[in-house]
PDB file of N, CA and C in Angstrom:
ATOM      1  N   MET A   1    -132.839  25.844  48.174  1.00  0.00           N
ATOM      2  CA  MET A   1    -132.893  25.565  46.759  1.00  0.00           C
ATOM      3  C   MET A   1    -131.844  26.371  45.996  1.00  0.00           C
ATOM      4  N   THR A   2    -131.715  27.672  46.278  1.00  0.00           N
ATOM      5  CA  THR A   2    -130.738  28.498  45.580  1.00  0.00           C
ATOM      6  C   THR A   2    -129.314  28.074  45.926  1.00  0.00           C
ATOM      7  N   TYR A   3    -129.114  27.618  47.158  1.00  0.00           N
ATOM      8  CA  TYR A   3    -127.798  27.141  47.556  1.00  0.00           C
ATOM      9  C   TYR A   3    -127.407  25.932  46.716  1.00  0.00           C
ATOM     10  N   ALA A   4    -128.340  25.051  46.426  1.00  0.00           N
ATOM     11  CA  ALA A   4    -128.076  23.857  45.627  1.00  0.00           C
ATOM     12  C   ALA A   4    -127.750  24.245  44.184  1.00  0.00           C
ATOM     13  N   LEU A   5    -128.439  25.241  43.650  1.00  0.00           N
ATOM     14  CA  LEU A   5    -128.170  25.686  42.277  1.00  0.00           C
ATOM     15  C   LEU A   5    -126.797  26.340  42.160  1.00  0.00           C
ATOM     16  N   VAL A   6    -126.443  27.134  43.158  1.00  0.00           N
ATOM     17  CA  VAL A   6    -125.133  27.772  43.149  1.00  0.00           C
ATOM     18  C   VAL A   6    -124.050  26.721  43.245  1.00  0.00           C
ATOM     19  N   ARG A   7    -124.266  25.759  44.104  1.00  0.00           N
ATOM     20  CA  ARG A   7    -123.291  24.677  44.278  1.00  0.00           C
ATOM     21  C   ARG A   7    -123.158  23.864  42.992  1.00  0.00           C
ATOM     22  N   LEU A   8    -124.300  23.591  42.325  1.00  0.00           N
ATOM     23  CA  LEU A   8    -124.284  22.847  41.063  1.00  0.00           C
ATOM     24  C   LEU A   8    -123.530  23.635  39.992  1.00  0.00           C
ATOM     25  N   ALA A   9    -123.719  24.951  39.931  1.00  0.00           N
ATOM     26  CA  ALA A   9    -123.026  25.781  38.955  1.00  0.00           C
ATOM     27  C   ALA A   9    -121.520  25.786  39.215  1.00  0.00           C
ATOM     28  N   LEU A  10    -121.135  25.833  40.495  1.00  0.00           N
ATOM     29  CA  LEU A  10    -119.711  25.803  40.826  1.00  0.00           C
ATOM     30  C   LEU A  10    -119.079  24.467  40.479  1.00  0.00           C
ATOM     31  N   VAL A  11    -119.791  23.394  40.764  1.00  0.00           N
ATOM     32  CA  VAL A  11    -119.270  22.058  40.435  1.00  0.00           C
ATOM     33  C   VAL A  11    -119.146  21.894  38.924  1.00  0.00           C
ATOM     34  N   ALA A  12    -120.151  22.380  38.162  1.00  0.00           N
ATOM     35  CA  ALA A  12    -120.094  22.283  36.705  1.00  0.00           C
ATOM     36  C   ALA A  12    -118.914  23.082  36.153  1.00  0.00           C
ATOM     37  N   GLY A  13    -118.660  24.274  36.698  1.00  0.00           N
ATOM     38  CA  GLY A  13    -117.519  25.085  36.269  1.00  0.00           C
ATOM     39  C   GLY A  13    -116.202  24.408  36.585  1.00  0.00           C
ATOM     40  N   ALA A  14    -116.110  23.826  37.770  1.00  0.00           N
ATOM     41  CA  ALA A  14    -114.884  23.124  38.148  1.00  0.00           C
ATOM     42  C   ALA A  14    -114.660  21.905  37.261  1.00  0.00           C
ATOM     43  N   LEU A  15    -115.741  21.205  36.953  1.00  0.00           N
ATOM     44  CA  LEU A  15    -115.639  20.028  36.085  1.00  0.00           C
ATOM     45  C   LEU A  15    -115.200  20.442  34.679  1.00  0.00           C
ATOM     46  N   GLN A  16    -115.736  21.535  34.190  1.00  0.00           N
ATOM     47  CA  GLN A  16    -115.355  22.018  32.874  1.00  0.00           C
ATOM     48  C   GLN A  16    -113.880  22.417  32.847  1.00  0.00           C
ATOM     49  N   ALA A  17    -113.403  23.090  33.887  1.00  0.00           N
ATOM     50  CA  ALA A  17    -111.989  23.469  33.958  1.00  0.00           C
ATOM     51  C   ALA A  17    -111.102  22.230  34.019  1.00  0.00           C
ATOM     52  N   LEU A  18    -111.536  21.235  34.766  1.00  0.00           N
ATOM     53  CA  LEU A  18    -110.779  19.987  34.864  1.00  0.00           C
ATOM     54  C   LEU A  18    -110.727  19.285  33.513  1.00  0.00           C
ATOM     55  N   MET A  19    -111.843  19.261  32.818  1.00  0.00           N
ATOM     56  CA  MET A  19    -111.872  18.617  31.496  1.00  0.00           C
ATOM     57  C   MET A  19    -110.976  19.359  30.507  1.00  0.00           C
ATOM     58  N   ARG A  20    -110.932  20.687  30.600  1.00  0.00           N
ATOM     59  CA  ARG A  20    -110.076  21.448  29.690  1.00  0.00           C
ATOM     60  C   ARG A  20    -108.611  21.096  29.880  1.00  0.00           C
ATOM     61  N   ARG A  21    -108.227  20.898  31.114  1.00  0.00           N
ATOM     62  CA  ARG A  21    -106.834  20.560  31.395  1.00  0.00           C
ATOM     63  C   ARG A  21    -106.518  19.113  31.054  1.00  0.00           C
ATOM     64  N   ARG A  22    -107.409  18.202  31.374  1.00  0.00           N
ATOM     65  CA  ARG A  22    -107.123  16.779  31.225  1.00  0.00           C
ATOM     66  C   ARG A  22    -107.469  16.216  29.854  1.00  0.00           C
ATOM     67  N   LEU A  23    -108.555  16.680  29.273  1.00  0.00           N
ATOM     68  CA  LEU A  23    -109.044  16.089  28.031  1.00  0.00           C
ATOM     69  C   LEU A  23    -109.339  17.167  26.984  1.00  0.00           C
ATOM     70  N   PRO A  24    -108.326  17.866  26.497  1.00  0.00           N
ATOM     71  CA  PRO A  24    -108.601  18.974  25.583  1.00  0.00           C
ATOM     72  C   PRO A  24    -109.179  18.520  24.244  1.00  0.00           C
ATOM     73  N   ARG A  25    -108.765  17.367  23.757  1.00  0.00           N
ATOM     74  CA  ARG A  25    -109.272  16.906  22.464  1.00  0.00           C
ATOM     75  C   ARG A  25    -110.741  16.524  22.541  1.00  0.00           C
ATOM     76  N   ILE A  26    -111.117  15.840  23.575  1.00  0.00           N
ATOM     77  CA  ILE A  26    -112.523  15.442  23.726  1.00  0.00           C
ATOM     78  C   ILE A  26    -113.395  16.678  23.877  1.00  0.00           C
ATOM     79  N   LEU A  27    -112.945  17.637  24.678  1.00  0.00           N
ATOM     80  CA  LEU A  27    -113.713  18.862  24.870  1.00  0.00           C
ATOM     81  C   LEU A  27    -113.826  19.645  23.556  1.00  0.00           C
ATOM     82  N   LEU A  28    -112.762  19.633  22.766  1.00  0.00           N
ATOM     83  CA  LEU A  28    -112.801  20.311  21.475  1.00  0.00           C
ATOM     84  C   LEU A  28    -113.832  19.667  20.557  1.00  0.00           C
ATOM     85  N   VAL A  29    -113.872  18.351  20.539  1.00  0.00           N
ATOM     86  CA  VAL A  29    -114.845  17.640  19.701  1.00  0.00           C
ATOM     87  C   VAL A  29    -116.263  17.901  20.190  1.00  0.00           C
ATOM     88  N   LEU A  30    -116.455  17.920  21.500  1.00  0.00           N
ATOM     89  CA  LEU A  30    -117.799  18.120  22.050  1.00  0.00           C
ATOM     90  C   LEU A  30    -118.308  19.545  21.846  1.00  0.00           C
ATOM     91  N   THR A  31    -117.422  20.515  21.819  1.00  0.00           N
ATOM     92  CA  THR A  31    -117.855  21.913  21.725  1.00  0.00           C
ATOM     93  C   THR A  31    -117.591  22.531  20.355  1.00  0.00           C
ATOM     94  N   ARG A  32    -117.112  21.752  19.418  1.00  0.00           N
ATOM     95  CA  ARG A  32    -116.792  22.290  18.100  1.00  0.00           C
ATOM     96  C   ARG A  32    -118.068  22.732  17.391  1.00  0.00           C
ATOM     97  N   GLN A  33    -117.977  23.911  16.785  1.00  0.00           N
ATOM     98  CA  GLN A  33    -119.084  24.415  16.001  1.00  0.00           C
ATOM     99  C   GLN A  33    -118.721  24.315  14.526  1.00  0.00           C
ATOM    100  N   ARG A  34    -119.731  24.179  13.715  1.00  0.00           N
ATOM    101  CA  ARG A  34    -119.499  24.061  12.285  1.00  0.00           C
ATOM    102  C   ARG A  34    -118.894  25.375  11.779  1.00  0.00           C
ATOM    103  N   PRO A  35    -117.786  25.293  11.047  1.00  0.00           N
ATOM    104  CA  PRO A  35    -117.176  26.528  10.552  1.00  0.00           C
ATOM    105  C   PRO A  35    -118.077  27.211   9.535  1.00  0.00           C
ATOM    106  N   LYS A  36    -118.023  28.520   9.543  1.00  0.00           N
ATOM    107  CA  LYS A  36    -118.816  29.287   8.592  1.00  0.00           C
ATOM    108  C   LYS A  36    -118.197  29.172   7.207  1.00  0.00           C
ATOM    109  N   GLN A  37    -119.033  29.271   6.190  1.00  0.00           N
ATOM    110  CA  GLN A  37    -118.531  29.167   4.827  1.00  0.00           C
ATOM    111  C   GLN A  37    -117.717  30.406   4.481  1.00  0.00           C
ATOM    112  N   PRO A  38    -116.494  30.191   4.042  1.00  0.00           N
ATOM    113  CA  PRO A  38    -115.699  31.353   3.659  1.00  0.00           C
ATOM    114  C   PRO A  38    -116.247  31.987   2.378  1.00  0.00           C
ATOM    115  N   ALA A  39    -115.840  33.200   2.143  1.00  0.00           N
ATOM    116  CA  ALA A  39    -116.342  33.954   0.997  1.00  0.00           C
ATOM    117  C   ALA A  39    -115.981  33.280  -0.324  1.00  0.00           C
ATOM    118  N   LEU A  40    -114.808  32.663  -0.399  1.00  0.00           N
ATOM    119  CA  LEU A  40    -114.405  32.020  -1.646  1.00  0.00           C
ATOM    120  C   LEU A  40    -115.297  30.827  -1.967  1.00  0.00           C
ATOM    121  N   PHE A  41    -115.695  30.085  -0.955  1.00  0.00           N
ATOM    122  CA  PHE A  41    -116.581  28.950  -1.183  1.00  0.00           C
ATOM    123  C   PHE A  41    -117.949  29.436  -1.639  1.00  0.00           C
ATOM    124  N   ALA A  42    -118.406  30.537  -1.075  1.00  0.00           N
ATOM    125  CA  ALA A  42    -119.684  31.113  -1.500  1.00  0.00           C
ATOM    126  C   ALA A  42    -119.585  31.586  -2.951  1.00  0.00           C
ATOM    127  N   GLU A  43    -118.445  32.159  -3.316  1.00  0.00           N
ATOM    128  CA  GLU A  43    -118.233  32.593  -4.699  1.00  0.00           C
ATOM    129  C   GLU A  43    -118.253  31.395  -5.645  1.00  0.00           C
ATOM    130  N   LEU A  44    -117.625  30.310  -5.238  1.00  0.00           N
ATOM    131  CA  LEU A  44    -117.622  29.100  -6.055  1.00  0.00           C
ATOM    132  C   LEU A  44    -119.039  28.563  -6.237  1.00  0.00           C
ATOM    133  N   GLN A  45    -119.818  28.578  -5.181  1.00  0.00           N
ATOM    134  CA  GLN A  45    -121.197  28.126  -5.303  1.00  0.00           C
ATOM    135  C   GLN A  45    -121.993  29.038  -6.234  1.00  0.00           C
ATOM    136  N   HIS A  46    -121.727  30.335  -6.172  1.00  0.00           N
ATOM    137  CA  HIS A  46    -122.408  31.277  -7.058  1.00  0.00           C
ATOM    138  C   HIS A  46    -122.046  31.006  -8.511  1.00  0.00           C
ATOM    139  N   ILE A  47    -120.784  30.708  -8.783  1.00  0.00           N
ATOM    140  CA  ILE A  47    -120.335  30.393 -10.136  1.00  0.00           C
ATOM    141  C   ILE A  47    -121.006  29.121 -10.638  1.00  0.00           C
ATOM    142  N   GLU A  48    -121.143  28.134  -9.756  1.00  0.00           N
ATOM    143  CA  GLU A  48    -121.723  26.854 -10.170  1.00  0.00           C
ATOM    144  C   GLU A  48    -123.229  26.936 -10.399  1.00  0.00           C
ATOM    145  N   THR A  49    -123.927  27.801  -9.698  1.00  0.00           N
ATOM    146  CA  THR A  49    -125.385  27.802  -9.776  1.00  0.00           C
ATOM    147  C   THR A  49    -125.941  28.825 -10.770  1.00  0.00           C
ATOM    148  N   ASP A  50    -125.302  29.969 -10.937  1.00  0.00           N
ATOM    149  CA  ASP A  50    -125.820  31.025 -11.806  1.00  0.00           C
ATOM    150  C   ASP A  50    -125.092  30.978 -13.144  1.00  0.00           C
ATOM    151  N   LEU A  51    -125.803  30.603 -14.205  1.00  0.00           N
ATOM    152  CA  LEU A  51    -125.160  30.426 -15.508  1.00  0.00           C
ATOM    153  C   LEU A  51    -124.682  31.742 -16.110  1.00  0.00           C
ATOM    154  N   ALA A  52    -125.454  32.819 -15.948  1.00  0.00           N
ATOM    155  CA  ALA A  52    -125.036  34.115 -16.483  1.00  0.00           C
ATOM    156  C   ALA A  52    -123.780  34.607 -15.748  1.00  0.00           C
ATOM    157  N   TYR A  53    -123.751  34.434 -14.442  1.00  0.00           N
ATOM    158  CA  TYR A  53    -122.584  34.833 -13.658  1.00  0.00           C
ATOM    159  C   TYR A  53    -121.380  33.981 -14.050  1.00  0.00           C
ATOM    160  N   ARG A  54    -121.612  32.709 -14.302  1.00  0.00           N
ATOM    161  CA  ARG A  54    -120.526  31.814 -14.708  1.00  0.00           C
ATOM    162  C   ARG A  54    -119.929  32.282 -16.032  1.00  0.00           C
ATOM    163  N   ALA A  55    -120.790  32.663 -16.983  1.00  0.00           N
ATOM    164  CA  ALA A  55    -120.292  33.133 -18.276  1.00  0.00           C
ATOM    165  C   ALA A  55    -119.470  34.409 -18.115  1.00  0.00           C
ATOM    166  N   ARG A  56    -119.944  35.360 -17.295  1.00  0.00           N
ATOM    167  CA  ARG A  56    -119.185  36.588 -17.054  1.00  0.00           C
ATOM    168  C   ARG A  56    -117.869  36.293 -16.349  1.00  0.00           C
ATOM    169  N   PHE A  57    -117.913  35.372 -15.386  1.00  0.00           N
ATOM    170  CA  PHE A  57    -116.707  35.029 -14.641  1.00  0.00           C
ATOM    171  C   PHE A  57    -115.657  34.427 -15.564  1.00  0.00           C
ATOM    172  N   PHE A  58    -116.061  33.455 -16.400  1.00  0.00           N
ATOM    173  CA  PHE A  58    -115.097  32.810 -17.284  1.00  0.00           C
ATOM    174  C   PHE A  58    -114.607  33.754 -18.378  1.00  0.00           C
ATOM    175  N   ALA A  59    -115.462  34.689 -18.829  1.00  0.00           N
ATOM    176  CA  ALA A  59    -114.998  35.684 -19.803  1.00  0.00           C
ATOM    177  C   ALA A  59    -113.918  36.569 -19.175  1.00  0.00           C
ATOM    178  N   GLY A  60    -114.139  36.998 -17.945  1.00  0.00           N
ATOM    179  CA  GLY A  60    -113.133  37.799 -17.251  1.00  0.00           C
ATOM    180  C   GLY A  60    -111.860  37.012 -16.994  1.00  0.00           C
ATOM    181  N   LEU A  61    -112.017  35.754 -16.648  1.00  0.00           N
ATOM    182  CA  LEU A  61    -110.853  34.900 -16.399  1.00  0.00           C
ATOM    183  C   LEU A  61    -110.046  34.704 -17.675  1.00  0.00           C
ATOM    184  N   ASN A  62    -110.723  34.454 -18.797  1.00  0.00           N
ATOM    185  CA  ASN A  62    -110.027  34.288 -20.073  1.00  0.00           C
ATOM    186  C   ASN A  62    -109.309  35.570 -20.483  1.00  0.00           C
ATOM    187  N   ALA A  63    -109.937  36.724 -20.253  1.00  0.00           N
ATOM    188  CA  ALA A  63    -109.299  37.999 -20.577  1.00  0.00           C
ATOM    189  C   ALA A  63    -108.054  38.217 -19.718  1.00  0.00           C
ATOM    190  N   ALA A  64    -108.153  37.895 -18.439  1.00  0.00           N
ATOM    191  CA  ALA A  64    -106.998  38.059 -17.546  1.00  0.00           C
ATOM    192  C   ALA A  64    -105.858  37.123 -17.949  1.00  0.00           C
ATOM    193  N   LEU A  65    -106.196  35.901 -18.347  1.00  0.00           N
ATOM    194  CA  LEU A  65    -105.160  34.957 -18.773  1.00  0.00           C
ATOM    195  C   LEU A  65    -104.507  35.412 -20.073  1.00  0.00           C
ATOM    196  N   ALA A  66    -105.305  35.931 -20.993  1.00  0.00           N
ATOM    197  CA  ALA A  66    -104.748  36.431 -22.256  1.00  0.00           C
ATOM    198  C   ALA A  66    -103.828  37.622 -22.003  1.00  0.00           C
ATOM    199  N   GLU A  67    -104.220  38.509 -21.088  1.00  0.00           N
ATOM    200  CA  GLU A  67    -103.387  39.664 -20.756  1.00  0.00           C
ATOM    201  C   GLU A  67    -102.074  39.224 -20.119  1.00  0.00           C
ATOM    202  N   ARG A  68    -102.155  38.269 -19.203  1.00  0.00           N
ATOM    203  CA  ARG A  68    -100.935  37.766 -18.563  1.00  0.00           C
ATOM    204  C   ARG A  68    -100.025  37.093 -19.586  1.00  0.00           C
ATOM    205  N   ASN A  69    -100.622  36.349 -20.522  1.00  0.00           N
ATOM    206  CA  ASN A  69     -99.837  35.686 -21.550  1.00  0.00           C
ATOM    207  C   ASN A  69     -99.156  36.717 -22.445  1.00  0.00           C
ATOM    208  N   ALA A  70     -99.863  37.793 -22.801  1.00  0.00           N
ATOM    209  CA  ALA A  70     -99.265  38.851 -23.627  1.00  0.00           C
ATOM    210  C   ALA A  70     -98.116  39.527 -22.888  1.00  0.00           C
ATOM    211  N   GLU A  71     -98.273  39.764 -21.584  1.00  0.00           N
ATOM    212  CA  GLU A  71     -97.191  40.372 -20.799  1.00  0.00           C
ATOM    213  C   GLU A  71     -95.975  39.464 -20.744  1.00  0.00           C
ATOM    214  N   ARG A  72     -96.212  38.180 -20.592  1.00  0.00           N
ATOM    215  CA  ARG A  72     -95.079  37.240 -20.547  1.00  0.00           C
ATOM    216  C   ARG A  72     -94.359  37.180 -21.887  1.00  0.00           C
ATOM    217  N   ILE A  73     -95.120  37.207 -22.981  1.00  0.00           N
ATOM    218  CA  ILE A  73     -94.497  37.184 -24.302  1.00  0.00           C
ATOM    219  C   ILE A  73     -93.679  38.454 -24.514  1.00  0.00           C
ATOM    220  N   ALA A  74     -94.198  39.608 -24.094  1.00  0.00           N
ATOM    221  CA  ALA A  74     -93.458  40.867 -24.224  1.00  0.00           C
ATOM    222  C   ALA A  74     -92.176  40.828 -23.394  1.00  0.00           C
ATOM    223  N   GLU A  75     -92.247  40.292 -22.192  1.00  0.00           N
ATOM    224  CA  GLU A  75     -91.050  40.178 -21.354  1.00  0.00           C
ATOM    225  C   GLU A  75     -90.035  39.227 -21.982  1.00  0.00           C
ATOM    226  N   LEU A  76     -90.523  38.146 -22.573  1.00  0.00           N
ATOM    227  CA  LEU A  76     -89.630  37.187 -23.220  1.00  0.00           C
ATOM    228  C   LEU A  76     -88.941  37.817 -24.421  1.00  0.00           C
ATOM    229  N   GLU A  77     -89.670  38.597 -25.205  1.00  0.00           N
ATOM    230  CA  GLU A  77     -89.061  39.278 -26.355  1.00  0.00           C
ATOM    231  C   GLU A  77     -88.028  40.307 -25.900  1.00  0.00           C
ATOM    232  N   ALA A  78     -88.324  41.038 -24.838  1.00  0.00           N
ATOM    233  CA  ALA A  78     -87.354  41.997 -24.310  1.00  0.00           C
ATOM    234  C   ALA A  78     -86.103  41.279 -23.808  1.00  0.00           C
ATOM    235  N   LEU A  79     -86.297  40.141 -23.181  1.00  0.00           N
ATOM    236  CA  LEU A  79     -85.158  39.354 -22.701  1.00  0.00           C
ATOM    237  C   LEU A  79     -84.330  38.832 -23.866  1.00  0.00           C
ATOM    238  N   ARG A  80     -84.991  38.371 -24.916  1.00  0.00           N
ATOM    239  CA  ARG A  80     -84.262  37.881 -26.096  1.00  0.00           C
ATOM    240  C   ARG A  80     -83.476  39.016 -26.751  1.00  0.00           C
ATOM    241  N   THR A  81     -84.058  40.200 -26.830  1.00  0.00           N
ATOM    242  CA  THR A  81     -83.367  41.353 -27.407  1.00  0.00           C
ATOM    243  C   THR A  81     -82.147  41.717 -26.572  1.00  0.00           C
ATOM    244  N   ALA A  82     -82.308  41.751 -25.259  1.00  0.00           N
ATOM    245  CA  ALA A  82     -81.181  42.065 -24.374  1.00  0.00           C
ATOM    246  C   ALA A  82     -80.094  41.001 -24.484  1.00  0.00           C
ATOM    247  N   LEU A  83     -80.492  39.735 -24.589  1.00  0.00           N
ATOM    248  CA  LEU A  83     -79.515  38.657 -24.717  1.00  0.00           C
ATOM    249  C   LEU A  83     -78.761  38.774 -26.027  1.00  0.00           C
ATOM    250  N   ALA A  84     -79.449  39.115 -27.097  1.00  0.00           N
ATOM    251  CA  ALA A  84     -78.781  39.281 -28.387  1.00  0.00           C
ATOM    252  C   ALA A  84     -77.788  40.437 -28.330  1.00  0.00           C
ATOM    253  N   GLN A  85     -78.133  41.516 -27.642  1.00  0.00           N
ATOM    254  CA  GLN A  85     -77.217  42.646 -27.512  1.00  0.00           C
ATOM    255  C   GLN A  85     -76.006  42.278 -26.659  1.00  0.00           C
ATOM    256  N   LEU A  86     -76.203  41.443 -25.644  1.00  0.00           N
ATOM    257  CA  LEU A  86     -75.063  41.023 -24.821  1.00  0.00           C
ATOM    258  C   LEU A  86     -74.148  40.070 -25.572  1.00  0.00           C
ATOM    259  N   ARG A  87     -74.716  39.237 -26.422  1.00  0.00           N
ATOM    260  CA  ARG A  87     -73.897  38.292 -27.187  1.00  0.00           C
ATOM    261  C   ARG A  87     -73.094  39.008 -28.271  1.00  0.00           C
ATOM    262  N   ASN A  88     -73.639  40.056 -28.842  1.00  0.00           N
ATOM    263  CA  ASN A  88     -72.971  40.777 -29.920  1.00  0.00           C
ATOM    264  C   ASN A  88     -72.945  42.265 -29.573  1.00  0.00           C
ATOM    265  N   PRO A  89     -71.989  42.691 -28.756  1.00  0.00           N
ATOM    266  CA  PRO A  89     -71.978  44.092 -28.329  1.00  0.00           C
ATOM    267  C   PRO A  89     -71.677  45.071 -29.456  1.00  0.00           C
ATOM    268  N   VAL A  90     -70.997  44.625 -30.523  1.00  0.00           N
ATOM    269  CA  VAL A  90     -70.727  45.491 -31.661  1.00  0.00           C
ATOM    270  C   VAL A  90     -71.613  45.016 -32.806  1.00  0.00           C
ATOM    271  N   SER A  91     -72.655  45.754 -33.032  1.00  0.00           N
ATOM    272  CA  SER A  91     -73.581  45.426 -34.108  1.00  0.00           C
ATOM    273  C   SER A  91     -73.801  46.676 -34.938  1.00  0.00           C
ATOM    274  N   PRO A  92     -74.496  46.572 -36.049  1.00  0.00           N
ATOM    275  CA  PRO A  92     -74.725  47.772 -36.871  1.00  0.00           C
ATOM    276  C   PRO A  92     -75.428  48.883 -36.102  1.00  0.00           C
ATOM    277  N   THR A  93     -76.232  48.570 -35.107  1.00  0.00           N
ATOM    278  CA  THR A  93     -76.927  49.619 -34.369  1.00  0.00           C
ATOM    279  C   THR A  93     -76.028  50.309 -33.363  1.00  0.00           C
ATOM    280  N   THR A  94     -74.960  49.631 -32.900  1.00  0.00           N
ATOM    281  CA  THR A  94     -74.063  50.238 -31.911  1.00  0.00           C
ATOM    282  C   THR A  94     -72.704  50.596 -32.495  1.00  0.00           C
ATOM    283  N   ALA A  95     -72.464  50.376 -33.789  1.00  0.00           N
ATOM    284  CA  ALA A  95     -71.161  50.670 -34.389  1.00  0.00           C
ATOM    285  C   ALA A  95     -70.899  52.169 -34.335  1.00  0.00           C
ATOM    286  N   GLY A  96     -69.702  52.540 -33.949  1.00  0.00           N
ATOM    287  CA  GLY A  96     -69.320  53.935 -33.873  1.00  0.00           C
ATOM    288  C   GLY A  96     -69.701  54.593 -32.565  1.00  0.00           C
ATOM    289  N   LYS A  97     -70.406  53.910 -31.720  1.00  0.00           N
ATOM    290  CA  LYS A  97     -70.818  54.490 -30.440  1.00  0.00           C
ATOM    291  C   LYS A  97     -69.932  54.036 -29.297  1.00  0.00           C
ATOM    292  N   GLY A  98     -68.993  53.197 -29.577  1.00  0.00           N
ATOM    293  CA  GLY A  98     -68.202  52.634 -28.496  1.00  0.00           C
ATOM    294  C   GLY A  98     -68.874  51.346 -28.029  1.00  0.00           C
ATOM    295  N   THR A  99     -68.292  50.702 -27.063  1.00  0.00           N
ATOM    296  CA  THR A  99     -68.811  49.422 -26.623  1.00  0.00           C
ATOM    297  C   THR A  99     -70.221  49.530 -26.080  1.00  0.00           C
ATOM    298  N   PHE A 100     -70.464  50.515 -25.233  1.00  0.00           N
ATOM    299  CA  PHE A 100     -71.779  50.655 -24.639  1.00  0.00           C
ATOM    300  C   PHE A 100     -72.446  51.975 -25.020  1.00  0.00           C
ATOM    301  N   GLY A 101     -71.859  52.682 -25.966  1.00  0.00           N
ATOM    302  CA  GLY A 101     -72.451  53.933 -26.400  1.00  0.00           C
ATOM    303  C   GLY A 101     -72.140  55.106 -25.483  1.00  0.00           C
ATOM    304  N   CYS A 102     -71.229  54.932 -24.539  1.00  0.00           N
ATOM    305  CA  CYS A 102     -70.965  56.029 -23.606  1.00  0.00           C
ATOM    306  C   CYS A 102     -69.475  56.335 -23.480  1.00  0.00           C
ATOM    307  N   PHE A 103     -68.621  55.628 -24.227  1.00  0.00           N
ATOM    308  CA  PHE A 103     -67.186  55.825 -24.069  1.00  0.00           C
ATOM    309  C   PHE A 103     -66.552  56.522 -25.262  1.00  0.00           C
ATOM    310  N   THR A 104     -67.304  57.181 -26.089  1.00  0.00           N
ATOM    311  CA  THR A 104     -66.695  57.891 -27.222  1.00  0.00           C
ATOM    312  C   THR A 104     -66.506  59.346 -26.856  1.00  0.00           C
ATOM    313  N   SER A 105     -65.541  59.968 -27.501  1.00  0.00           N
ATOM    314  CA  SER A 105     -65.305  61.403 -27.226  1.00  0.00           C
ATOM    315  C   SER A 105     -66.320  62.227 -28.007  1.00  0.00           C
ATOM    316  N   ALA A 106     -66.435  63.466 -27.648  1.00  0.00           N
ATOM    317  CA  ALA A 106     -67.387  64.357 -28.301  1.00  0.00           C
ATOM    318  C   ALA A 106     -66.987  64.620 -29.747  1.00  0.00           C
ATOM    319  N   SER A 107     -65.682  64.589 -30.055  1.00  0.00           N
ATOM    320  CA  SER A 107     -65.223  64.866 -31.420  1.00  0.00           C
ATOM    321  C   SER A 107     -65.307  63.636 -32.305  1.00  0.00           C
ATOM    322  N   GLY A 108     -65.656  62.501 -31.756  1.00  0.00           N
ATOM    323  CA  GLY A 108     -65.768  61.291 -32.564  1.00  0.00           C
ATOM    324  C   GLY A 108     -64.449  60.569 -32.699  1.00  0.00           C
ATOM    325  N   GLY A 109     -63.438  60.975 -31.954  1.00  0.00           N
ATOM    326  CA  GLY A 109     -62.119  60.366 -32.030  1.00  0.00           C
ATOM    327  C   GLY A 109     -62.055  59.089 -31.240  1.00  0.00           C
ATOM    328  N   SER A 110     -60.912  58.921 -30.594  1.00  0.00           N
ATOM    329  CA  SER A 110     -60.700  57.686 -29.850  1.00  0.00           C
ATOM    330  C   SER A 110     -61.596  57.666 -28.588  1.00  0.00           C
ATOM    331  N   PRO A 111     -61.954  56.471 -28.157  1.00  0.00           N
ATOM    332  CA  PRO A 111     -62.789  56.372 -26.964  1.00  0.00           C
ATOM    333  C   PRO A 111     -62.086  56.881 -25.731  1.00  0.00           C
ATOM    334  N   THR A 112     -62.806  57.598 -24.904  1.00  0.00           N
ATOM    335  CA  THR A 112     -62.255  58.078 -23.638  1.00  0.00           C
ATOM    336  C   THR A 112     -63.086  57.521 -22.506  1.00  0.00           C
ATOM    337  N   PRO A 113     -62.455  57.014 -21.469  1.00  0.00           N
ATOM    338  CA  PRO A 113     -63.231  56.445 -20.353  1.00  0.00           C
ATOM    339  C   PRO A 113     -63.928  57.481 -19.534  1.00  0.00           C
TER     340      PRO A 113
END
């Protein structure tokens, strides 16, 4: 009896190895397990089901979007200021300082490189 069980186990192992080599797609379908829910999907379900959590989540999201928008506006204003300075290198704020404010002499005379 034990000899028959050992033989059956060996044949089953050989058959499984043969199936892996010959029919990988079928074996994958037959042995596929349901994937576990990722953390992000669980978070989405929590947002959809808990109204208080949803309100806190959207308040935080709105605050983050407002902060990002303020940062972008500040960067845009800095870029506009830099562009205006590049377009007009001699302006009332830079007059008398030389082209870039670093080429004037200490005595205020002619520019020195």
